[in-house]
Amino acid sequence: MKKKVDKFLYEEETYKIRGAIFEIYKQFRNTQKEIVYHNSLYEKLIVDNFQVEKNKQIPIHYNGKK
């Protein structure tokens, strides 16, 4: 059984991001490749005045290796 989250750290921002995701989902449903959703969400967040970076690389370490 999933644990329900009662409160988010950034509630207003979380609400807006979830709304953007749902809006994109309603438009495309499950008909597009992941990159279409990725680009659409990026553009929607820019329009909604979020500061976002596209394709940000972060170092990943696994079993002591980068």
PDB file of N, CA and C in Angstrom:
ATOM      1  N   MET A   1       0.834  -1.179   0.000  1.00  0.00           N
ATOM      2  CA  MET A   1       0.000   0.000   0.000  1.00  0.00           C
ATOM      3  C   MET A   1       0.880   1.245   0.000  1.00  0.00           C
ATOM      4  N   LYS A   2       0.557   2.211  -0.870  1.00  0.00           N
ATOM      5  CA  LYS A   2       1.348   3.427  -0.973  1.00  0.00           C
ATOM      6  C   LYS A   2       1.084   4.338   0.215  1.00  0.00           C
ATOM      7  N   LYS A   3       2.156   4.993   0.657  1.00  0.00           N
ATOM      8  CA  LYS A   3       2.036   5.967   1.729  1.00  0.00           C
ATOM      9  C   LYS A   3       1.655   7.316   1.124  1.00  0.00           C
ATOM     10  N   LYS A   4       0.628   7.931   1.634  1.00  0.00           N
ATOM     11  CA  LYS A   4       0.162   9.226   1.134  1.00  0.00           C
ATOM     12  C   LYS A   4       1.017  10.338   1.726  1.00  0.00           C
ATOM     13  N   VAL A   5       1.434  11.264   0.856  1.00  0.00           N
ATOM     14  CA  VAL A   5       2.196  12.417   1.310  1.00  0.00           C
ATOM     15  C   VAL A   5       1.202  13.490   1.726  1.00  0.00           C
ATOM     16  N   ASP A   6       1.290  13.912   2.984  1.00  0.00           N
ATOM     17  CA  ASP A   6       0.360  14.909   3.500  1.00  0.00           C
ATOM     18  C   ASP A   6       0.793  16.338   3.182  1.00  0.00           C
ATOM     19  N   LYS A   7       2.089  16.565   3.117  1.00  0.00           N
ATOM     20  CA  LYS A   7       2.567  17.922   2.923  1.00  0.00           C
ATOM     21  C   LYS A   7       3.873  17.881   2.126  1.00  0.00           C
ATOM     22  N   PHE A   8       3.975  18.778   1.150  1.00  0.00           N
ATOM     23  CA  PHE A   8       5.192  18.906   0.360  1.00  0.00           C
ATOM     24  C   PHE A   8       6.006  20.083   0.876  1.00  0.00           C
ATOM     25  N   LEU A   9       7.299  20.052   0.658  1.00  0.00           N
ATOM     26  CA  LEU A   9       8.173  21.133   1.088  1.00  0.00           C
ATOM     27  C   LEU A   9       7.812  22.433   0.369  1.00  0.00           C
ATOM     28  N   TYR A  10       7.580  22.351  -0.935  1.00  0.00           N
ATOM     29  CA  TYR A  10       7.190  23.503  -1.738  1.00  0.00           C
ATOM     30  C   TYR A  10       5.806  23.227  -2.327  1.00  0.00           C
ATOM     31  N   GLU A  11       4.784  23.426  -1.537  1.00  0.00           N
ATOM     32  CA  GLU A  11       3.430  23.029  -1.935  1.00  0.00           C
ATOM     33  C   GLU A  11       2.924  23.747  -3.180  1.00  0.00           C
ATOM     34  N   GLU A  12       3.082  25.054  -3.256  1.00  0.00           N
ATOM     35  CA  GLU A  12       2.575  25.805  -4.404  1.00  0.00           C
ATOM     36  C   GLU A  12       3.284  25.386  -5.693  1.00  0.00           C
ATOM     37  N   GLU A  13       4.612  25.267  -5.631  1.00  0.00           N
ATOM     38  CA  GLU A  13       5.376  24.868  -6.804  1.00  0.00           C
ATOM     39  C   GLU A  13       5.041  23.441  -7.220  1.00  0.00           C
ATOM     40  N   THR A  14       4.904  22.563  -6.235  1.00  0.00           N
ATOM     41  CA  THR A  14       4.559  21.171  -6.513  1.00  0.00           C
ATOM     42  C   THR A  14       3.202  21.086  -7.200  1.00  0.00           C
ATOM     43  N   TYR A  15       2.258  21.868  -6.737  1.00  0.00           N
ATOM     44  CA  TYR A  15       0.921  21.885  -7.331  1.00  0.00           C
ATOM     45  C   TYR A  15       0.985  22.325  -8.798  1.00  0.00           C
ATOM     46  N   LYS A  16       1.759  23.373  -9.074  1.00  0.00           N
ATOM     47  CA  LYS A  16       1.884  23.872 -10.441  1.00  0.00           C
ATOM     48  C   LYS A  16       2.584  22.861 -11.357  1.00  0.00           C
ATOM     49  N   ILE A  17       3.621  22.212 -10.862  1.00  0.00           N
ATOM     50  CA  ILE A  17       4.353  21.224 -11.657  1.00  0.00           C
ATOM     51  C   ILE A  17       3.466  20.023 -11.958  1.00  0.00           C
ATOM     52  N   ARG A  18       2.754  19.555 -10.950  1.00  0.00           N
ATOM     53  CA  ARG A  18       1.849  18.417 -11.172  1.00  0.00           C
ATOM     54  C   ARG A  18       0.751  18.783 -12.164  1.00  0.00           C
ATOM     55  N   GLY A  19       0.258  20.025 -12.098  1.00  0.00           N
ATOM     56  CA  GLY A  19      -0.742  20.491 -13.053  1.00  0.00           C
ATOM     57  C   GLY A  19      -0.196  20.520 -14.473  1.00  0.00           C
ATOM     58  N   ALA A  20       1.049  20.962 -14.620  1.00  0.00           N
ATOM     59  CA  ALA A  20       1.691  20.998 -15.939  1.00  0.00           C
ATOM     60  C   ALA A  20       1.829  19.586 -16.502  1.00  0.00           C
ATOM     61  N   ILE A  21       2.236  18.666 -15.668  1.00  0.00           N
ATOM     62  CA  ILE A  21       2.390  17.272 -16.097  1.00  0.00           C
ATOM     63  C   ILE A  21       1.047  16.705 -16.532  1.00  0.00           C
ATOM     64  N   PHE A  22       0.009  16.965 -15.760  1.00  0.00           N
ATOM     65  CA  PHE A  22      -1.310  16.437 -16.104  1.00  0.00           C
ATOM     66  C   PHE A  22      -1.831  17.059 -17.400  1.00  0.00           C
ATOM     67  N   GLU A  23      -1.580  18.349 -17.600  1.00  0.00           N
ATOM     68  CA  GLU A  23      -2.002  19.020 -18.829  1.00  0.00           C
ATOM     69  C   GLU A  23      -1.338  18.385 -20.056  1.00  0.00           C
ATOM     70  N   ILE A  24      -0.063  18.097 -19.951  1.00  0.00           N
ATOM     71  CA  ILE A  24       0.662  17.458 -21.053  1.00  0.00           C
ATOM     72  C   ILE A  24       0.148  16.039 -21.269  1.00  0.00           C
ATOM     73  N   TYR A  25      -0.086  15.325 -20.187  1.00  0.00           N
ATOM     74  CA  TYR A  25      -0.626  13.964 -20.306  1.00  0.00           C
ATOM     75  C   TYR A  25      -1.981  13.970 -21.021  1.00  0.00           C
ATOM     76  N   LYS A  26      -2.852  14.916 -20.650  1.00  0.00           N
ATOM     77  CA  LYS A  26      -4.174  14.982 -21.275  1.00  0.00           C
ATOM     78  C   LYS A  26      -4.066  15.244 -22.772  1.00  0.00           C
ATOM     79  N   GLN A  27      -3.082  16.016 -23.171  1.00  0.00           N
ATOM     80  CA  GLN A  27      -2.931  16.337 -24.583  1.00  0.00           C
ATOM     81  C   GLN A  27      -2.404  15.141 -25.385  1.00  0.00           C
ATOM     82  N   PHE A  28      -1.436  14.416 -24.840  1.00  0.00           N
ATOM     83  CA  PHE A  28      -0.778  13.357 -25.609  1.00  0.00           C
ATOM     84  C   PHE A  28      -1.204  11.938 -25.222  1.00  0.00           C
ATOM     85  N   ARG A  29      -1.759  11.794 -24.001  1.00  0.00           N
ATOM     86  CA  ARG A  29      -2.034  10.458 -23.443  1.00  0.00           C
ATOM     87  C   ARG A  29      -0.763   9.629 -23.526  1.00  0.00           C
ATOM     88  N   ASN A  30      -0.840   8.393 -23.960  1.00  0.00           N
ATOM     89  CA  ASN A  30       0.357   7.555 -24.064  1.00  0.00           C
ATOM     90  C   ASN A  30       0.717   7.320 -25.526  1.00  0.00           C
ATOM     91  N   THR A  31       0.748   8.403 -26.318  1.00  0.00           N
ATOM     92  CA  THR A  31       0.933   8.250 -27.755  1.00  0.00           C
ATOM     93  C   THR A  31       2.297   8.704 -28.251  1.00  0.00           C
ATOM     94  N   GLN A  32       3.121   9.273 -27.396  1.00  0.00           N
ATOM     95  CA  GLN A  32       4.385   9.847 -27.844  1.00  0.00           C
ATOM     96  C   GLN A  32       5.568   9.183 -27.154  1.00  0.00           C
ATOM     97  N   LYS A  33       6.738   9.439 -27.705  1.00  0.00           N
ATOM     98  CA  LYS A  33       7.977   8.966 -27.087  1.00  0.00           C
ATOM     99  C   LYS A  33       8.323   9.875 -25.912  1.00  0.00           C
ATOM    100  N   GLU A  34       9.169   9.381 -25.036  1.00  0.00           N
ATOM    101  CA  GLU A  34       9.520  10.101 -23.813  1.00  0.00           C
ATOM    102  C   GLU A  34      10.069  11.495 -24.111  1.00  0.00           C
ATOM    103  N   ILE A  35      10.847  11.655 -25.164  1.00  0.00           N
ATOM    104  CA  ILE A  35      11.450  12.950 -25.484  1.00  0.00           C
ATOM    105  C   ILE A  35      10.390  14.018 -25.754  1.00  0.00           C
ATOM    106  N   VAL A  36       9.247  13.634 -26.301  1.00  0.00           N
ATOM    107  CA  VAL A  36       8.165  14.589 -26.549  1.00  0.00           C
ATOM    108  C   VAL A  36       7.623  15.116 -25.222  1.00  0.00           C
ATOM    109  N   TYR A  37       7.430  14.240 -24.254  1.00  0.00           N
ATOM    110  CA  TYR A  37       6.962  14.652 -22.930  1.00  0.00           C
ATOM    111  C   TYR A  37       8.017  15.522 -22.248  1.00  0.00           C
ATOM    112  N   HIS A  38       9.254  15.122 -22.375  1.00  0.00           N
ATOM    113  CA  HIS A  38      10.367  15.857 -21.775  1.00  0.00           C
ATOM    114  C   HIS A  38      10.403  17.290 -22.306  1.00  0.00           C
ATOM    115  N   ASN A  39      10.388  17.438 -23.638  1.00  0.00           N
ATOM    116  CA  ASN A  39      10.445  18.767 -24.254  1.00  0.00           C
ATOM    117  C   ASN A  39       9.199  19.587 -23.941  1.00  0.00           C
ATOM    118  N   SER A  40       8.054  18.949 -23.925  1.00  0.00           N
ATOM    119  CA  SER A  40       6.804  19.654 -23.624  1.00  0.00           C
ATOM    120  C   SER A  40       6.792  20.171 -22.196  1.00  0.00           C
ATOM    121  N   LEU A  41       7.238  19.346 -21.260  1.00  0.00           N
ATOM    122  CA  LEU A  41       7.274  19.783 -19.861  1.00  0.00           C
ATOM    123  C   LEU A  41       8.281  20.914 -19.681  1.00  0.00           C
ATOM    124  N   TYR A  42       9.408  20.810 -20.335  1.00  0.00           N
ATOM    125  CA  TYR A  42      10.403  21.883 -20.273  1.00  0.00           C
ATOM    126  C   TYR A  42       9.789  23.209 -20.735  1.00  0.00           C
ATOM    127  N   GLU A  43       9.139  23.191 -21.887  1.00  0.00           N
ATOM    128  CA  GLU A  43       8.529  24.406 -22.433  1.00  0.00           C
ATOM    129  C   GLU A  43       7.412  24.928 -21.532  1.00  0.00           C
ATOM    130  N   LYS A  44       6.590  24.042 -20.994  1.00  0.00           N
ATOM    131  CA  LYS A  44       5.490  24.442 -20.110  1.00  0.00           C
ATOM    132  C   LYS A  44       6.025  25.088 -18.835  1.00  0.00           C
ATOM    133  N   LEU A  45       7.086  24.539 -18.274  1.00  0.00           N
ATOM    134  CA  LEU A  45       7.649  25.107 -17.046  1.00  0.00           C
ATOM    135  C   LEU A  45       8.270  26.477 -17.304  1.00  0.00           C
ATOM    136  N   ILE A  46       8.872  26.665 -18.474  1.00  0.00           N
ATOM    137  CA  ILE A  46       9.401  27.979 -18.838  1.00  0.00           C
ATOM    138  C   ILE A  46       8.255  28.992 -18.925  1.00  0.00           C
ATOM    139  N   VAL A  47       7.167  28.617 -19.594  1.00  0.00           N
ATOM    140  CA  VAL A  47       5.994  29.495 -19.730  1.00  0.00           C
ATOM    141  C   VAL A  47       5.418  29.839 -18.357  1.00  0.00           C
ATOM    142  N   ASP A  48       5.475  28.880 -17.433  1.00  0.00           N
ATOM    143  CA  ASP A  48       4.942  29.082 -16.081  1.00  0.00           C
ATOM    144  C   ASP A  48       5.953  29.752 -15.144  1.00  0.00           C
ATOM    145  N   ASN A  49       7.019  30.319 -15.719  1.00  0.00           N
ATOM    146  CA  ASN A  49       8.030  31.099 -14.976  1.00  0.00           C
ATOM    147  C   ASN A  49       8.873  30.297 -13.994  1.00  0.00           C
ATOM    148  N   PHE A  50       9.120  29.034 -14.304  1.00  0.00           N
ATOM    149  CA  PHE A  50      10.066  28.250 -13.516  1.00  0.00           C
ATOM    150  C   PHE A  50      11.450  28.392 -14.131  1.00  0.00           C
ATOM    151  N   GLN A  51      12.472  28.371 -13.306  1.00  0.00           N
ATOM    152  CA  GLN A  51      13.834  28.324 -13.810  1.00  0.00           C
ATOM    153  C   GLN A  51      14.200  26.857 -13.948  1.00  0.00           C
ATOM    154  N   VAL A  52      14.419  26.416 -15.178  1.00  0.00           N
ATOM    155  CA  VAL A  52      14.737  25.013 -15.421  1.00  0.00           C
ATOM    156  C   VAL A  52      15.958  24.909 -16.322  1.00  0.00           C
ATOM    157  N   GLU A  53      16.676  23.811 -16.176  1.00  0.00           N
ATOM    158  CA  GLU A  53      17.809  23.503 -17.036  1.00  0.00           C
ATOM    159  C   GLU A  53      17.489  22.219 -17.772  1.00  0.00           C
ATOM    160  N   LYS A  54      17.820  22.202 -19.037  1.00  0.00           N
ATOM    161  CA  LYS A  54      17.532  21.036 -19.850  1.00  0.00           C
ATOM    162  C   LYS A  54      18.763  20.131 -19.901  1.00  0.00           C
ATOM    163  N   ASN A  55      18.527  18.842 -19.729  1.00  0.00           N
ATOM    164  CA  ASN A  55      19.574  17.826 -19.831  1.00  0.00           C
ATOM    165  C   ASN A  55      20.755  18.087 -18.909  1.00  0.00           C
ATOM    166  N   LYS A  56      20.478  18.438 -17.692  1.00  0.00           N
ATOM    167  CA  LYS A  56      21.507  18.668 -16.690  1.00  0.00           C
ATOM    168  C   LYS A  56      22.192  17.356 -16.363  1.00  0.00           C
ATOM    169  N   GLN A  57      23.521  17.346 -16.405  1.00  0.00           N
ATOM    170  CA  GLN A  57      24.255  16.130 -16.075  1.00  0.00           C
ATOM    171  C   GLN A  57      24.685  16.173 -14.618  1.00  0.00           C
ATOM    172  N   ILE A  58      24.492  15.055 -13.952  1.00  0.00           N
ATOM    173  CA  ILE A  58      24.928  14.928 -12.568  1.00  0.00           C
ATOM    174  C   ILE A  58      25.798  13.681 -12.460  1.00  0.00           C
ATOM    175  N   PRO A  59      26.828  13.723 -11.629  1.00  0.00           N
ATOM    176  CA  PRO A  59      27.679  12.537 -11.490  1.00  0.00           C
ATOM    177  C   PRO A  59      26.939  11.438 -10.720  1.00  0.00           C
ATOM    178  N   ILE A  60      27.033  10.231 -11.219  1.00  0.00           N
ATOM    179  CA  ILE A  60      26.423   9.082 -10.580  1.00  0.00           C
ATOM    180  C   ILE A  60      27.527   8.135 -10.118  1.00  0.00           C
ATOM    181  N   HIS A  61      27.449   7.711  -8.889  1.00  0.00           N
ATOM    182  CA  HIS A  61      28.439   6.780  -8.345  1.00  0.00           C
ATOM    183  C   HIS A  61      27.720   5.478  -7.978  1.00  0.00           C
ATOM    184  N   TYR A  62      28.292   4.380  -8.419  1.00  0.00           N
ATOM    185  CA  TYR A  62      27.724   3.062  -8.134  1.00  0.00           C
ATOM    186  C   TYR A  62      28.862   2.111  -7.817  1.00  0.00           C
ATOM    187  N   ASN A  63      28.775   1.452  -6.693  1.00  0.00           N
ATOM    188  CA  ASN A  63      29.796   0.513  -6.252  1.00  0.00           C
ATOM    189  C   ASN A  63      31.184   1.150  -6.269  1.00  0.00           C
ATOM    190  N   GLY A  64      31.254   2.417  -5.851  1.00  0.00           N
ATOM    191  CA  GLY A  64      32.530   3.113  -5.758  1.00  0.00           C
ATOM    192  C   GLY A  64      33.072   3.613  -7.070  1.00  0.00           C
ATOM    193  N   LYS A  65      32.326   3.504  -8.143  1.00  0.00           N
ATOM    194  CA  LYS A  65      32.777   3.964  -9.463  1.00  0.00           C
ATOM    195  C   LYS A  65      31.855   5.062  -9.970  1.00  0.00           C
ATOM    196  N   LYS A  66      32.483   6.012 -10.667  1.00  0.00           N
ATOM    197  CA  LYS A  66      31.717   7.105 -11.255  1.00  0.00           C
ATOM    198  C   LYS A  66      31.106   6.635 -12.559  1.00  0.00           C
TER     199      LYS A  66
END
